[in-house]
Amino acid sequence: KNRSAAEVRHLFTKYGGSLGAVMWNFSQKGVLQITNYELPSSAKALEDKRIANLENDESFELELIDNGAQDILKETEGMAVYTKPEDFQRVKLFLENKKVKTESAEIEYIAKKQVNLTEEEKTQVQKFIDELEDSEDVSDYYTNANL
């Protein structure tokens, strides 16, 4: 434990950072990453093997909201569904029942406000993150840097 703290403290110092309380910058949310945009639209569609496209399926998004989704962000490779931590399991079960595969489903800390960086700062922060990821003692990290 002491070695872990010393290693992380060393990395912060090496890259010009300092340890401090920053949890107020983040809120805890359920995050479900969906990469397959295909959803059987009905039992008949299953039989006919017709597949509805989730990107155009507003009813699916409304069902997600009815089941506890707070926000739905469409991304280039899928969508991210955000929930309150207490609604996370309900949304996850809804997706499982709809046979929608999730790439990941976790409770995470999401930055309340993203911080924009200069190119030089982005490079420095990315090097810091790379070293954090290489550390055996660091399992997760969260950032408010807009990389």
N, C-alpha and C. Protein backbone atom coordinates (compact mmCIF):
# COMPACT_ATOMS: atom_id res chain seq x y z
N LYS A 1 0.83 -1.20 0.00
CA LYS A 1 0.00 0.00 0.00
C LYS A 1 0.87 1.26 0.00
N ASN A 2 1.88 1.29 0.86
CA ASN A 2 2.77 2.45 0.91
C ASN A 2 3.54 2.62 -0.39
N ARG A 3 3.96 1.48 -0.97
CA ARG A 3 4.69 1.53 -2.24
C ARG A 3 3.79 2.08 -3.33
N SER A 4 2.53 1.68 -3.34
CA SER A 4 1.56 2.16 -4.34
C SER A 4 1.38 3.66 -4.24
N ALA A 5 1.17 4.15 -3.03
CA ALA A 5 0.98 5.59 -2.82
C ALA A 5 2.22 6.35 -3.24
N ALA A 6 3.39 5.82 -2.90
CA ALA A 6 4.64 6.49 -3.26
C ALA A 6 4.81 6.54 -4.78
N GLU A 7 4.47 5.45 -5.45
CA GLU A 7 4.60 5.42 -6.91
C GLU A 7 3.66 6.43 -7.57
N VAL A 8 2.42 6.49 -7.12
CA VAL A 8 1.46 7.44 -7.70
C VAL A 8 1.88 8.87 -7.39
N ARG A 9 2.33 9.11 -6.18
CA ARG A 9 2.81 10.45 -5.80
C ARG A 9 3.99 10.86 -6.68
N HIS A 10 4.89 9.91 -6.94
CA HIS A 10 6.05 10.17 -7.81
C HIS A 10 5.59 10.56 -9.22
N LEU A 11 4.60 9.84 -9.76
CA LEU A 11 4.10 10.15 -11.10
C LEU A 11 3.48 11.55 -11.15
N PHE A 12 2.71 11.90 -10.13
CA PHE A 12 2.12 13.24 -10.09
C PHE A 12 3.22 14.30 -10.09
N THR A 13 4.24 14.10 -9.26
CA THR A 13 5.34 15.06 -9.17
C THR A 13 6.10 15.14 -10.50
N LYS A 14 6.36 13.99 -11.10
CA LYS A 14 7.09 13.92 -12.36
C LYS A 14 6.41 14.74 -13.46
N TYR A 15 5.07 14.76 -13.45
CA TYR A 15 4.34 15.46 -14.51
C TYR A 15 3.73 16.78 -14.04
N GLY A 16 4.22 17.30 -12.93
CA GLY A 16 3.81 18.63 -12.48
C GLY A 16 2.45 18.69 -11.81
N GLY A 17 1.96 17.57 -11.36
CA GLY A 17 0.66 17.54 -10.67
C GLY A 17 0.84 17.44 -9.18
N SER A 18 -0.27 17.45 -8.48
CA SER A 18 -0.23 17.26 -7.03
C SER A 18 -1.48 16.51 -6.60
N LEU A 19 -1.32 15.71 -5.57
CA LEU A 19 -2.46 14.96 -5.04
C LEU A 19 -3.36 15.91 -4.27
N GLY A 20 -4.65 15.73 -4.40
CA GLY A 20 -5.60 16.57 -3.69
C GLY A 20 -7.00 16.00 -3.85
N ALA A 21 -7.93 16.57 -3.12
CA ALA A 21 -9.32 16.13 -3.20
C ALA A 21 -9.97 16.71 -4.45
N VAL A 22 -10.43 15.83 -5.33
CA VAL A 22 -11.04 16.28 -6.59
C VAL A 22 -12.39 15.60 -6.86
N MET A 23 -12.86 14.80 -5.94
CA MET A 23 -14.11 14.08 -6.17
C MET A 23 -15.29 15.01 -6.45
N TRP A 24 -15.22 16.24 -5.96
CA TRP A 24 -16.31 17.19 -6.20
C TRP A 24 -16.44 17.51 -7.68
N ASN A 25 -15.38 17.22 -8.47
CA ASN A 25 -15.41 17.45 -9.92
C ASN A 25 -16.16 16.36 -10.69
N PHE A 26 -16.55 15.29 -10.00
CA PHE A 26 -17.12 14.12 -10.67
C PHE A 26 -18.44 13.71 -10.04
N SER A 27 -19.29 13.10 -10.85
CA SER A 27 -20.51 12.49 -10.32
C SER A 27 -20.52 11.02 -10.73
N GLN A 28 -21.09 10.20 -9.88
CA GLN A 28 -21.11 8.77 -10.13
C GLN A 28 -22.32 8.44 -11.01
N LYS A 29 -22.08 7.68 -12.08
CA LYS A 29 -23.16 7.29 -13.00
C LYS A 29 -22.92 5.87 -13.51
N GLY A 30 -24.01 5.22 -13.84
CA GLY A 30 -23.92 3.95 -14.55
C GLY A 30 -23.65 4.26 -16.01
N VAL A 31 -22.72 3.54 -16.63
CA VAL A 31 -22.39 3.77 -18.04
C VAL A 31 -22.42 2.42 -18.75
N LEU A 32 -23.28 2.33 -19.76
CA LEU A 32 -23.38 1.11 -20.56
C LEU A 32 -23.02 1.46 -22.00
N GLN A 33 -21.99 0.83 -22.52
CA GLN A 33 -21.54 1.06 -23.89
C GLN A 33 -22.15 -0.02 -24.78
N ILE A 34 -22.92 0.41 -25.78
CA ILE A 34 -23.55 -0.51 -26.71
C ILE A 34 -22.86 -0.35 -28.06
N THR A 35 -22.37 -1.46 -28.61
CA THR A 35 -21.71 -1.37 -29.91
C THR A 35 -22.53 -1.98 -31.03
N ASN A 36 -23.42 -2.91 -30.70
CA ASN A 36 -24.24 -3.47 -31.78
C ASN A 36 -25.53 -2.66 -31.86
N TYR A 37 -25.77 -2.13 -33.04
CA TYR A 37 -26.96 -1.30 -33.22
C TYR A 37 -28.14 -2.10 -33.74
N GLU A 38 -28.10 -3.41 -33.59
CA GLU A 38 -29.21 -4.20 -34.10
C GLU A 38 -30.03 -4.75 -32.97
N LEU A 39 -31.34 -4.59 -33.10
CA LEU A 39 -32.28 -5.02 -32.07
C LEU A 39 -33.48 -5.65 -32.76
N PRO A 40 -33.85 -6.85 -32.37
CA PRO A 40 -35.09 -7.40 -32.93
C PRO A 40 -36.25 -6.50 -32.54
N SER A 41 -37.04 -6.04 -33.52
CA SER A 41 -38.10 -5.08 -33.22
C SER A 41 -39.36 -5.75 -32.70
N SER A 42 -39.53 -7.05 -32.93
CA SER A 42 -40.70 -7.75 -32.42
C SER A 42 -40.47 -9.25 -32.57
N ALA A 43 -41.39 -10.03 -32.02
CA ALA A 43 -41.30 -11.48 -32.16
C ALA A 43 -41.42 -11.86 -33.63
N LYS A 44 -42.31 -11.19 -34.36
CA LYS A 44 -42.48 -11.45 -35.79
C LYS A 44 -41.18 -11.17 -36.54
N ALA A 45 -40.52 -10.06 -36.16
CA ALA A 45 -39.26 -9.71 -36.81
C ALA A 45 -38.20 -10.77 -36.54
N LEU A 46 -38.24 -11.35 -35.34
CA LEU A 46 -37.31 -12.43 -35.03
C LEU A 46 -37.55 -13.61 -35.97
N GLU A 47 -38.83 -13.95 -36.15
CA GLU A 47 -39.16 -15.07 -37.03
C GLU A 47 -38.73 -14.78 -38.46
N ASP A 48 -38.98 -13.55 -38.90
CA ASP A 48 -38.65 -13.17 -40.27
C ASP A 48 -37.19 -12.79 -40.43
N LYS A 49 -36.49 -12.72 -39.30
CA LYS A 49 -35.09 -12.31 -39.27
C LYS A 49 -34.89 -10.89 -39.80
N ARG A 50 -35.93 -10.07 -39.65
CA ARG A 50 -35.80 -8.65 -39.98
C ARG A 50 -35.27 -7.96 -38.73
N ILE A 51 -34.35 -7.06 -38.92
CA ILE A 51 -33.72 -6.39 -37.79
C ILE A 51 -33.95 -4.89 -37.91
N ALA A 52 -34.34 -4.28 -36.79
CA ALA A 52 -34.53 -2.82 -36.76
C ALA A 52 -33.21 -2.15 -36.39
N ASN A 53 -32.95 -1.03 -36.94
CA ASN A 53 -31.73 -0.28 -36.65
C ASN A 53 -31.98 0.63 -35.46
N LEU A 54 -31.19 0.47 -34.40
CA LEU A 54 -31.38 1.28 -33.19
C LEU A 54 -31.19 2.76 -33.42
N GLU A 55 -30.34 3.13 -34.37
CA GLU A 55 -30.11 4.56 -34.61
C GLU A 55 -31.40 5.27 -34.97
N ASN A 56 -32.30 4.57 -35.64
CA ASN A 56 -33.55 5.18 -36.08
C ASN A 56 -34.73 4.75 -35.21
N ASP A 57 -34.48 4.02 -34.17
CA ASP A 57 -35.56 3.46 -33.36
C ASP A 57 -35.80 4.33 -32.13
N GLU A 58 -36.62 5.36 -32.30
CA GLU A 58 -36.92 6.26 -31.19
C GLU A 58 -37.65 5.53 -30.07
N SER A 59 -38.46 4.54 -30.42
CA SER A 59 -39.20 3.81 -29.39
C SER A 59 -38.23 3.08 -28.46
N PHE A 60 -37.11 2.59 -29.00
CA PHE A 60 -36.11 1.94 -28.16
C PHE A 60 -35.52 2.93 -27.17
N GLU A 61 -35.20 4.13 -27.64
CA GLU A 61 -34.65 5.16 -26.76
C GLU A 61 -35.67 5.54 -25.69
N LEU A 62 -36.94 5.63 -26.06
CA LEU A 62 -37.98 5.95 -25.08
C LEU A 62 -38.10 4.84 -24.04
N GLU A 63 -37.98 3.59 -24.49
CA GLU A 63 -38.01 2.47 -23.55
C GLU A 63 -36.82 2.53 -22.60
N LEU A 64 -35.66 2.89 -23.13
CA LEU A 64 -34.48 3.05 -22.28
C LEU A 64 -34.74 4.09 -21.19
N ILE A 65 -35.31 5.21 -21.60
CA ILE A 65 -35.62 6.29 -20.65
C ILE A 65 -36.64 5.81 -19.63
N ASP A 66 -37.67 5.10 -20.08
CA ASP A 66 -38.68 4.56 -19.17
C ASP A 66 -38.08 3.59 -18.16
N ASN A 67 -36.99 2.94 -18.54
CA ASN A 67 -36.34 1.98 -17.65
C ASN A 67 -35.21 2.58 -16.83
N GLY A 68 -35.02 3.90 -16.90
CA GLY A 68 -34.06 4.54 -16.01
C GLY A 68 -32.88 5.23 -16.66
N ALA A 69 -32.78 5.22 -17.99
CA ALA A 69 -31.67 5.92 -18.64
C ALA A 69 -31.84 7.42 -18.44
N GLN A 70 -30.76 8.09 -18.06
CA GLN A 70 -30.76 9.54 -17.89
C GLN A 70 -30.37 10.24 -19.17
N ASP A 71 -29.41 9.65 -19.88
CA ASP A 71 -28.89 10.28 -21.08
C ASP A 71 -28.44 9.19 -22.04
N ILE A 72 -28.59 9.47 -23.33
CA ILE A 72 -28.17 8.54 -24.37
C ILE A 72 -27.34 9.34 -25.37
N LEU A 73 -26.09 8.96 -25.51
CA LEU A 73 -25.20 9.65 -26.45
C LEU A 73 -24.84 8.71 -27.59
N LYS A 74 -25.17 9.11 -28.80
CA LYS A 74 -24.80 8.31 -29.96
C LYS A 74 -23.35 8.62 -30.31
N GLU A 75 -22.60 7.56 -30.54
CA GLU A 75 -21.18 7.68 -30.85
C GLU A 75 -20.93 7.02 -32.20
N THR A 76 -19.73 7.20 -32.73
CA THR A 76 -19.44 6.65 -34.06
C THR A 76 -19.55 5.13 -34.09
N GLU A 77 -19.21 4.46 -33.02
CA GLU A 77 -19.22 3.00 -32.99
C GLU A 77 -20.33 2.44 -32.11
N GLY A 78 -21.35 3.22 -31.79
CA GLY A 78 -22.42 2.70 -30.95
C GLY A 78 -23.09 3.81 -30.18
N MET A 79 -23.47 3.50 -28.94
CA MET A 79 -24.07 4.51 -28.08
C MET A 79 -23.67 4.26 -26.64
N ALA A 80 -23.67 5.34 -25.87
CA ALA A 80 -23.41 5.26 -24.44
C ALA A 80 -24.71 5.62 -23.73
N VAL A 81 -25.11 4.79 -22.78
CA VAL A 81 -26.31 5.02 -22.00
C VAL A 81 -25.87 5.33 -20.57
N TYR A 82 -26.32 6.48 -20.05
CA TYR A 82 -25.96 6.91 -18.70
C TYR A 82 -27.17 6.79 -17.79
N THR A 83 -26.92 6.29 -16.57
CA THR A 83 -28.00 6.11 -15.59
C THR A 83 -27.56 6.64 -14.23
N LYS A 84 -28.52 6.82 -13.35
CA LYS A 84 -28.18 7.02 -11.94
C LYS A 84 -27.68 5.66 -11.44
N PRO A 85 -26.78 5.66 -10.46
CA PRO A 85 -26.28 4.37 -9.96
C PRO A 85 -27.40 3.42 -9.53
N GLU A 86 -28.45 3.97 -8.92
CA GLU A 86 -29.54 3.11 -8.43
C GLU A 86 -30.40 2.55 -9.57
N ASP A 87 -30.32 3.11 -10.78
CA ASP A 87 -31.09 2.60 -11.92
C ASP A 87 -30.25 1.74 -12.86
N PHE A 88 -28.97 1.63 -12.58
CA PHE A 88 -28.02 0.94 -13.45
C PHE A 88 -28.44 -0.50 -13.73
N GLN A 89 -28.73 -1.26 -12.69
CA GLN A 89 -29.06 -2.68 -12.84
C GLN A 89 -30.34 -2.86 -13.65
N ARG A 90 -31.32 -1.99 -13.43
CA ARG A 90 -32.59 -2.09 -14.17
C ARG A 90 -32.36 -1.88 -15.67
N VAL A 91 -31.55 -0.88 -16.03
CA VAL A 91 -31.26 -0.62 -17.44
C VAL A 91 -30.45 -1.77 -18.04
N LYS A 92 -29.51 -2.29 -17.27
CA LYS A 92 -28.70 -3.42 -17.74
C LYS A 92 -29.58 -4.64 -18.02
N LEU A 93 -30.51 -4.93 -17.11
CA LEU A 93 -31.43 -6.06 -17.31
C LEU A 93 -32.35 -5.83 -18.51
N PHE A 94 -32.80 -4.59 -18.69
CA PHE A 94 -33.64 -4.25 -19.84
C PHE A 94 -32.89 -4.57 -21.14
N LEU A 95 -31.62 -4.16 -21.21
CA LEU A 95 -30.82 -4.43 -22.41
C LEU A 95 -30.61 -5.92 -22.62
N GLU A 96 -30.35 -6.64 -21.53
CA GLU A 96 -30.17 -8.10 -21.63
C GLU A 96 -31.45 -8.76 -22.14
N ASN A 97 -32.60 -8.32 -21.62
CA ASN A 97 -33.89 -8.88 -22.06
C ASN A 97 -34.18 -8.58 -23.52
N LYS A 98 -33.67 -7.46 -24.02
CA LYS A 98 -33.83 -7.09 -25.43
C LYS A 98 -32.76 -7.73 -26.31
N LYS A 99 -31.87 -8.52 -25.69
CA LYS A 99 -30.77 -9.18 -26.40
C LYS A 99 -29.81 -8.17 -27.03
N VAL A 100 -29.65 -7.03 -26.38
CA VAL A 100 -28.71 -6.01 -26.83
C VAL A 100 -27.41 -6.22 -26.07
N LYS A 101 -26.32 -6.44 -26.79
CA LYS A 101 -25.03 -6.69 -26.15
C LYS A 101 -24.38 -5.37 -25.74
N THR A 102 -23.79 -5.38 -24.55
CA THR A 102 -23.05 -4.21 -24.09
C THR A 102 -21.56 -4.52 -24.15
N GLU A 103 -20.80 -3.56 -24.65
CA GLU A 103 -19.34 -3.68 -24.69
C GLU A 103 -18.79 -3.60 -23.28
N SER A 104 -19.37 -2.69 -22.49
CA SER A 104 -19.01 -2.56 -21.08
C SER A 104 -20.21 -2.01 -20.33
N ALA A 105 -20.27 -2.32 -19.05
CA ALA A 105 -21.35 -1.84 -18.20
C ALA A 105 -20.77 -1.69 -16.79
N GLU A 106 -20.57 -0.44 -16.37
CA GLU A 106 -19.93 -0.18 -15.08
C GLU A 106 -20.48 1.08 -14.46
N ILE A 107 -20.29 1.18 -13.15
CA ILE A 107 -20.53 2.44 -12.44
C ILE A 107 -19.21 3.20 -12.53
N GLU A 108 -19.27 4.43 -13.05
CA GLU A 108 -18.06 5.22 -13.26
C GLU A 108 -18.23 6.62 -12.68
N TYR A 109 -17.10 7.31 -12.57
CA TYR A 109 -17.12 8.71 -12.18
C TYR A 109 -16.98 9.54 -13.45
N ILE A 110 -17.96 10.39 -13.70
CA ILE A 110 -18.01 11.21 -14.91
C ILE A 110 -17.74 12.66 -14.52
N ALA A 111 -16.85 13.30 -15.26
CA ALA A 111 -16.51 14.71 -14.99
C ALA A 111 -17.74 15.59 -15.15
N LYS A 112 -17.96 16.47 -14.19
CA LYS A 112 -19.08 17.41 -14.28
C LYS A 112 -18.80 18.45 -15.36
N LYS A 113 -17.53 18.80 -15.53
CA LYS A 113 -17.14 19.76 -16.55
C LYS A 113 -15.78 19.34 -17.11
N GLN A 114 -15.70 19.28 -18.43
CA GLN A 114 -14.44 18.94 -19.09
C GLN A 114 -13.54 20.17 -19.15
N VAL A 115 -12.24 19.94 -19.01
CA VAL A 115 -11.25 21.01 -19.08
C VAL A 115 -10.52 20.90 -20.41
N ASN A 116 -10.52 21.98 -21.19
CA ASN A 116 -9.79 22.00 -22.46
C ASN A 116 -8.32 22.28 -22.21
N LEU A 117 -7.46 21.60 -22.96
CA LEU A 117 -6.02 21.71 -22.78
C LEU A 117 -5.36 22.17 -24.08
N THR A 118 -4.19 22.77 -23.93
CA THR A 118 -3.38 23.08 -25.10
C THR A 118 -2.79 21.77 -25.62
N GLU A 119 -2.24 21.78 -26.82
CA GLU A 119 -1.63 20.57 -27.39
C GLU A 119 -0.49 20.07 -26.50
N GLU A 120 0.30 20.99 -25.98
CA GLU A 120 1.41 20.62 -25.10
C GLU A 120 0.89 19.96 -23.82
N GLU A 121 -0.16 20.54 -23.24
CA GLU A 121 -0.75 19.96 -22.03
C GLU A 121 -1.36 18.59 -22.32
N LYS A 122 -1.99 18.45 -23.47
CA LYS A 122 -2.57 17.15 -23.85
C LYS A 122 -1.49 16.08 -23.92
N THR A 123 -0.36 16.43 -24.52
CA THR A 123 0.75 15.49 -24.63
C THR A 123 1.25 15.09 -23.25
N GLN A 124 1.41 16.07 -22.37
CA GLN A 124 1.89 15.82 -21.01
C GLN A 124 0.90 14.93 -20.24
N VAL A 125 -0.38 15.25 -20.32
CA VAL A 125 -1.40 14.47 -19.62
C VAL A 125 -1.46 13.05 -20.19
N GLN A 126 -1.35 12.91 -21.50
CA GLN A 126 -1.39 11.58 -22.11
C GLN A 126 -0.21 10.72 -21.65
N LYS A 127 0.97 11.32 -21.54
CA LYS A 127 2.14 10.58 -21.03
C LYS A 127 1.89 10.14 -19.59
N PHE A 128 1.32 11.03 -18.79
CA PHE A 128 0.99 10.71 -17.39
C PHE A 128 0.00 9.55 -17.34
N ILE A 129 -1.05 9.61 -18.16
CA ILE A 129 -2.06 8.55 -18.19
C ILE A 129 -1.44 7.23 -18.64
N ASP A 130 -0.56 7.28 -19.64
CA ASP A 130 0.11 6.07 -20.12
C ASP A 130 0.89 5.41 -18.99
N GLU A 131 1.59 6.22 -18.20
CA GLU A 131 2.36 5.65 -17.08
C GLU A 131 1.44 5.12 -15.99
N LEU A 132 0.31 5.81 -15.75
CA LEU A 132 -0.66 5.30 -14.78
C LEU A 132 -1.18 3.93 -15.22
N GLU A 133 -1.51 3.81 -16.51
CA GLU A 133 -2.02 2.55 -17.04
C GLU A 133 -0.99 1.43 -16.95
N ASP A 134 0.28 1.78 -17.06
CA ASP A 134 1.35 0.78 -16.98
C ASP A 134 1.62 0.33 -15.54
N SER A 135 1.16 1.11 -14.57
CA SER A 135 1.39 0.78 -13.17
C SER A 135 0.51 -0.40 -12.74
N GLU A 136 1.13 -1.39 -12.11
CA GLU A 136 0.38 -2.54 -11.59
C GLU A 136 -0.58 -2.14 -10.48
N ASP A 137 -0.27 -1.05 -9.81
CA ASP A 137 -1.03 -0.65 -8.63
C ASP A 137 -2.25 0.21 -8.94
N VAL A 138 -2.40 0.64 -10.18
CA VAL A 138 -3.53 1.49 -10.56
C VAL A 138 -4.51 0.66 -11.38
N SER A 139 -5.74 0.52 -10.88
CA SER A 139 -6.73 -0.27 -11.61
C SER A 139 -7.66 0.62 -12.43
N ASP A 140 -7.98 1.80 -11.96
CA ASP A 140 -8.86 2.74 -12.66
C ASP A 140 -8.40 4.16 -12.41
N TYR A 141 -8.73 5.02 -13.34
CA TYR A 141 -8.50 6.46 -13.14
C TYR A 141 -9.59 7.19 -13.90
N TYR A 142 -9.87 8.39 -13.48
CA TYR A 142 -10.87 9.22 -14.14
C TYR A 142 -10.27 10.60 -14.35
N THR A 143 -10.61 11.23 -15.46
CA THR A 143 -10.05 12.54 -15.76
C THR A 143 -11.14 13.47 -16.26
N ASN A 144 -10.93 14.75 -16.02
CA ASN A 144 -11.83 15.76 -16.58
C ASN A 144 -11.14 16.49 -17.73
N ALA A 145 -9.97 15.99 -18.14
CA ALA A 145 -9.25 16.59 -19.26
C ALA A 145 -9.92 16.19 -20.57
N ASN A 146 -10.15 17.16 -21.42
CA ASN A 146 -10.73 16.90 -22.73
C ASN A 146 -9.60 16.55 -23.68
N LEU A 147 -9.35 15.26 -23.82
CA LEU A 147 -8.25 14.79 -24.66
C LEU A 147 -8.78 14.51 -26.02
